[in-house]
Amino acid sequence: MIRRPERRMPEIPTASLADVAFLILIFFLATTNIDVEKGIRLTLPAKGAATVVARTDLVTLLINPQGEILLDEQEVAPAAIKDLLQPRLAANPKLIVSVKAHPQAEYRIYLTVIDQIKQAGGRRISIAEPD
């Protein structure tokens, strides 16, 4: 009787699969450019450097949990902050803009407010805790 050769099932060699996977992982780790968020540049005062500020030299911006922005207790749109602050900053170069953000306020709105103050020419920005 003639024996037929056994039929072999085709298979994919997987012995070097782990090696290839690790080489691809190392390649992507070596070539990936990781950007680190730098955040907002602020110059913080020294510890214990609290000073008394006259009410005429202070503007208060409050951000409530609903995302509303109050400029001296009057609601304003985020885009209007720059236009409202520019004349005040031009009239009083010692003007300090105090930003009080509620802990549940969106960070996006907070950054928009800080950007608007800087665009208006505000250099003295106070970050305060809400009452």
C-alpha atoms as a PDB file:
ATOM      1  CA  MET A   1       0.000   0.000   0.000  1.00  0.00           C
ATOM      2  CA  ILE A   2       1.248   3.406  -0.912  1.00  0.00           C
ATOM      3  CA  ARG A   3       1.276   5.934   1.837  1.00  0.00           C
ATOM      4  CA  ARG A   4       0.161   9.380   1.064  1.00  0.00           C
ATOM      5  CA  PRO A   5       2.130  12.185   2.548  1.00  0.00           C
ATOM      6  CA  GLU A   6       0.353  13.810   5.425  1.00  0.00           C
ATOM      7  CA  ARG A   7      -1.240  17.029   4.528  1.00  0.00           C
ATOM      8  CA  ARG A   8       0.176  19.868   6.563  1.00  0.00           C
ATOM      9  CA  MET A   9      -1.950  22.795   7.470  1.00  0.00           C
ATOM     10  CA  PRO A  10      -0.369  26.109   6.549  1.00  0.00           C
ATOM     11  CA  GLU A  11       0.534  28.194   9.597  1.00  0.00           C
ATOM     12  CA  ILE A  12       2.089  31.540  10.303  1.00  0.00           C
ATOM     13  CA  PRO A  13       5.336  31.358  12.219  1.00  0.00           C
ATOM     14  CA  THR A  14       4.841  33.242  15.488  1.00  0.00           C
ATOM     15  CA  ALA A  15       8.172  32.589  17.121  1.00  0.00           C
ATOM     16  CA  SER A  16       9.569  36.041  16.274  1.00  0.00           C
ATOM     17  CA  LEU A  17       6.299  37.944  16.718  1.00  0.00           C
ATOM     18  CA  ALA A  18       7.216  39.169  20.209  1.00  0.00           C
ATOM     19  CA  ASP A  19      10.605  40.386  18.965  1.00  0.00           C
ATOM     20  CA  VAL A  20       8.986  42.367  16.159  1.00  0.00           C
ATOM     21  CA  ALA A  21       6.403  43.854  18.535  1.00  0.00           C
ATOM     22  CA  PHE A  22       9.112  45.062  20.932  1.00  0.00           C
ATOM     23  CA  LEU A  23      11.170  46.510  18.074  1.00  0.00           C
ATOM     24  CA  ILE A  24       8.145  48.470  16.844  1.00  0.00           C
ATOM     25  CA  LEU A  25       7.456  49.662  20.402  1.00  0.00           C
ATOM     26  CA  ILE A  26      11.056  50.822  20.848  1.00  0.00           C
ATOM     27  CA  PHE A  27      10.950  52.554  17.458  1.00  0.00           C
ATOM     28  CA  PHE A  28       7.827  54.541  18.351  1.00  0.00           C
ATOM     29  CA  LEU A  29       9.133  55.418  21.808  1.00  0.00           C
ATOM     30  CA  ALA A  30      12.394  56.685  20.322  1.00  0.00           C
ATOM     31  CA  THR A  31      10.775  58.732  17.546  1.00  0.00           C
ATOM     32  CA  THR A  32       7.778  60.174  19.394  1.00  0.00           C
ATOM     33  CA  ASN A  33       8.002  63.841  20.259  1.00  0.00           C
ATOM     34  CA  ILE A  34       6.411  64.507  23.635  1.00  0.00           C
ATOM     35  CA  ASP A  35       5.234  68.080  24.165  1.00  0.00           C
ATOM     36  CA  VAL A  36       5.133  69.217  27.762  1.00  0.00           C
ATOM     37  CA  GLU A  37       2.462  71.758  28.624  1.00  0.00           C
ATOM     38  CA  LYS A  38       4.159  74.846  29.955  1.00  0.00           C
ATOM     39  CA  GLY A  39       1.092  76.468  31.500  1.00  0.00           C
ATOM     40  CA  ILE A  40       0.705  80.148  32.251  1.00  0.00           C
ATOM     41  CA  ARG A  41       3.757  82.206  33.108  1.00  0.00           C
ATOM     42  CA  LEU A  42       3.087  84.148  36.272  1.00  0.00           C
ATOM     43  CA  THR A  43       5.478  85.961  38.553  1.00  0.00           C
ATOM     44  CA  LEU A  44       4.383  85.137  42.054  1.00  0.00           C
ATOM     45  CA  PRO A  45       5.171  87.457  44.950  1.00  0.00           C
ATOM     46  CA  ALA A  46       7.419  86.399  47.794  1.00  0.00           C
ATOM     47  CA  LYS A  47       5.872  84.799  50.848  1.00  0.00           C
ATOM     48  CA  GLY A  48       4.546  87.381  53.277  1.00  0.00           C
ATOM     49  CA  ALA A  49       4.625  90.170  50.682  1.00  0.00           C
ATOM     50  CA  ALA A  50       0.969  91.147  51.159  1.00  0.00           C
ATOM     51  CA  THR A  51       0.243  94.821  50.621  1.00  0.00           C
ATOM     52  CA  VAL A  52      -2.840  96.930  51.165  1.00  0.00           C
ATOM     53  CA  VAL A  53      -4.344  98.132  47.888  1.00  0.00           C
ATOM     54  CA  ALA A  54      -6.616 101.151  47.574  1.00  0.00           C
ATOM     55  CA  ARG A  55     -10.101 100.309  46.250  1.00  0.00           C
ATOM     56  CA  THR A  56      -9.543 102.743  43.351  1.00  0.00           C
ATOM     57  CA  ASP A  57      -6.542 100.675  42.209  1.00  0.00           C
ATOM     58  CA  LEU A  58      -8.488  97.394  42.079  1.00  0.00           C
ATOM     59  CA  VAL A  59     -10.849  95.822  39.541  1.00  0.00           C
ATOM     60  CA  THR A  60     -12.491  92.511  40.427  1.00  0.00           C
ATOM     61  CA  LEU A  61     -13.382  89.844  37.881  1.00  0.00           C
ATOM     62  CA  LEU A  62     -15.452  86.964  39.267  1.00  0.00           C
ATOM     63  CA  ILE A  63     -16.085  83.712  37.404  1.00  0.00           C
ATOM     64  CA  ASN A  64     -19.016  81.823  38.894  1.00  0.00           C
ATOM     65  CA  PRO A  65     -19.751  78.069  38.533  1.00  0.00           C
ATOM     66  CA  GLN A  66     -22.136  78.693  35.616  1.00  0.00           C
ATOM     67  CA  GLY A  67     -19.333  80.324  33.615  1.00  0.00           C
ATOM     68  CA  GLU A  68     -20.653  83.862  33.927  1.00  0.00           C
ATOM     69  CA  ILE A  69     -18.049  86.610  34.260  1.00  0.00           C
ATOM     70  CA  LEU A  70     -18.751  89.550  36.543  1.00  0.00           C
ATOM     71  CA  LEU A  71     -16.665  92.711  36.232  1.00  0.00           C
ATOM     72  CA  ASP A  72     -17.205  94.770  39.391  1.00  0.00           C
ATOM     73  CA  GLU A  73     -20.480  92.873  39.956  1.00  0.00           C
ATOM     74  CA  GLN A  74     -21.815  93.475  36.419  1.00  0.00           C
ATOM     75  CA  GLU A  75     -22.055  90.565  34.001  1.00  0.00           C
ATOM     76  CA  VAL A  76     -19.877  90.902  30.897  1.00  0.00           C
ATOM     77  CA  ALA A  77     -19.106  88.736  27.874  1.00  0.00           C
ATOM     78  CA  PRO A  78     -15.594  87.266  27.707  1.00  0.00           C
ATOM     79  CA  ALA A  79     -14.827  89.161  24.480  1.00  0.00           C
ATOM     80  CA  ALA A  80     -15.848  92.498  26.070  1.00  0.00           C
ATOM     81  CA  ILE A  81     -13.317  92.328  28.921  1.00  0.00           C
ATOM     82  CA  LYS A  82     -10.492  93.758  26.820  1.00  0.00           C
ATOM     83  CA  ASP A  83     -12.568  96.724  25.630  1.00  0.00           C
ATOM     84  CA  LEU A  84     -13.803  97.478  29.153  1.00  0.00           C
ATOM     85  CA  LEU A  85     -10.373  97.252  30.800  1.00  0.00           C
ATOM     86  CA  GLN A  86      -8.249  99.195  28.277  1.00  0.00           C
ATOM     87  CA  PRO A  87      -9.555 102.675  29.219  1.00  0.00           C
ATOM     88  CA  ARG A  88      -9.327 101.884  32.933  1.00  0.00           C
ATOM     89  CA  LEU A  89      -5.755 100.602  32.603  1.00  0.00           C
ATOM     90  CA  ALA A  90      -4.784 103.656  30.527  1.00  0.00           C
ATOM     91  CA  ALA A  91      -6.256 105.997  33.153  1.00  0.00           C
ATOM     92  CA  ASN A  92      -4.652 104.199  36.099  1.00  0.00           C
ATOM     93  CA  PRO A  93      -1.307 102.431  35.453  1.00  0.00           C
ATOM     94  CA  LYS A  94      -1.313 101.073  39.053  1.00  0.00           C
ATOM     95  CA  LEU A  95      -4.589  99.235  38.440  1.00  0.00           C
ATOM     96  CA  ILE A  96      -4.617  95.639  39.700  1.00  0.00           C
ATOM     97  CA  VAL A  97      -7.042  93.191  38.124  1.00  0.00           C
ATOM     98  CA  SER A  98      -8.159  90.606  40.665  1.00  0.00           C
ATOM     99  CA  VAL A  99      -9.504  87.362  39.195  1.00  0.00           C
ATOM    100  CA  LYS A 100     -11.624  85.201  41.467  1.00  0.00           C
ATOM    101  CA  ALA A 101     -12.675  81.893  39.925  1.00  0.00           C
ATOM    102  CA  HIS A 102     -15.046  79.483  41.590  1.00  0.00           C
ATOM    103  CA  PRO A 103     -13.499  75.983  41.945  1.00  0.00           C
ATOM    104  CA  GLN A 104     -16.204  74.539  39.662  1.00  0.00           C
ATOM    105  CA  ALA A 105     -15.695  77.157  36.932  1.00  0.00           C
ATOM    106  CA  GLU A 106     -14.295  75.866  33.646  1.00  0.00           C
ATOM    107  CA  TYR A 107     -10.568  76.294  33.184  1.00  0.00           C
ATOM    108  CA  ARG A 108     -11.179  77.352  29.576  1.00  0.00           C
ATOM    109  CA  ILE A 109     -13.130  80.411  30.735  1.00  0.00           C
ATOM    110  CA  TYR A 110     -10.450  81.233  33.298  1.00  0.00           C
ATOM    111  CA  LEU A 111      -7.761  81.179  30.594  1.00  0.00           C
ATOM    112  CA  THR A 112      -9.921  83.329  28.309  1.00  0.00           C
ATOM    113  CA  VAL A 113     -10.269  85.923  31.070  1.00  0.00           C
ATOM    114  CA  ILE A 114      -6.504  85.980  31.744  1.00  0.00           C
ATOM    115  CA  ASP A 115      -5.813  86.318  27.994  1.00  0.00           C
ATOM    116  CA  GLN A 116      -8.276  89.207  27.691  1.00  0.00           C
ATOM    117  CA  ILE A 117      -6.644  91.010  30.623  1.00  0.00           C
ATOM    118  CA  LYS A 118      -3.189  90.612  29.061  1.00  0.00           C
ATOM    119  CA  GLN A 119      -4.462  91.808  25.672  1.00  0.00           C
ATOM    120  CA  ALA A 120      -5.935  94.873  27.351  1.00  0.00           C
ATOM    121  CA  GLY A 121      -2.482  95.700  28.714  1.00  0.00           C
ATOM    122  CA  GLY A 122      -2.965  94.420  32.242  1.00  0.00           C
ATOM    123  CA  ARG A 123       0.329  93.463  33.847  1.00  0.00           C
ATOM    124  CA  ARG A 124      -0.725  93.451  37.488  1.00  0.00           C
ATOM    125  CA  ILE A 125      -3.022  90.446  37.841  1.00  0.00           C
ATOM    126  CA  SER A 126      -4.061  89.081  41.205  1.00  0.00           C
ATOM    127  CA  ILE A 127      -5.417  85.554  41.446  1.00  0.00           C
ATOM    128  CA  ALA A 128      -7.637  85.398  44.491  1.00  0.00           C
ATOM    129  CA  GLU A 129      -9.849  82.818  46.137  1.00  0.00           C
ATOM    130  CA  PRO A 130     -13.590  83.520  45.932  1.00  0.00           C
ATOM    131  CA  ASP A 131     -15.298  84.642  49.121  1.00  0.00           C
END
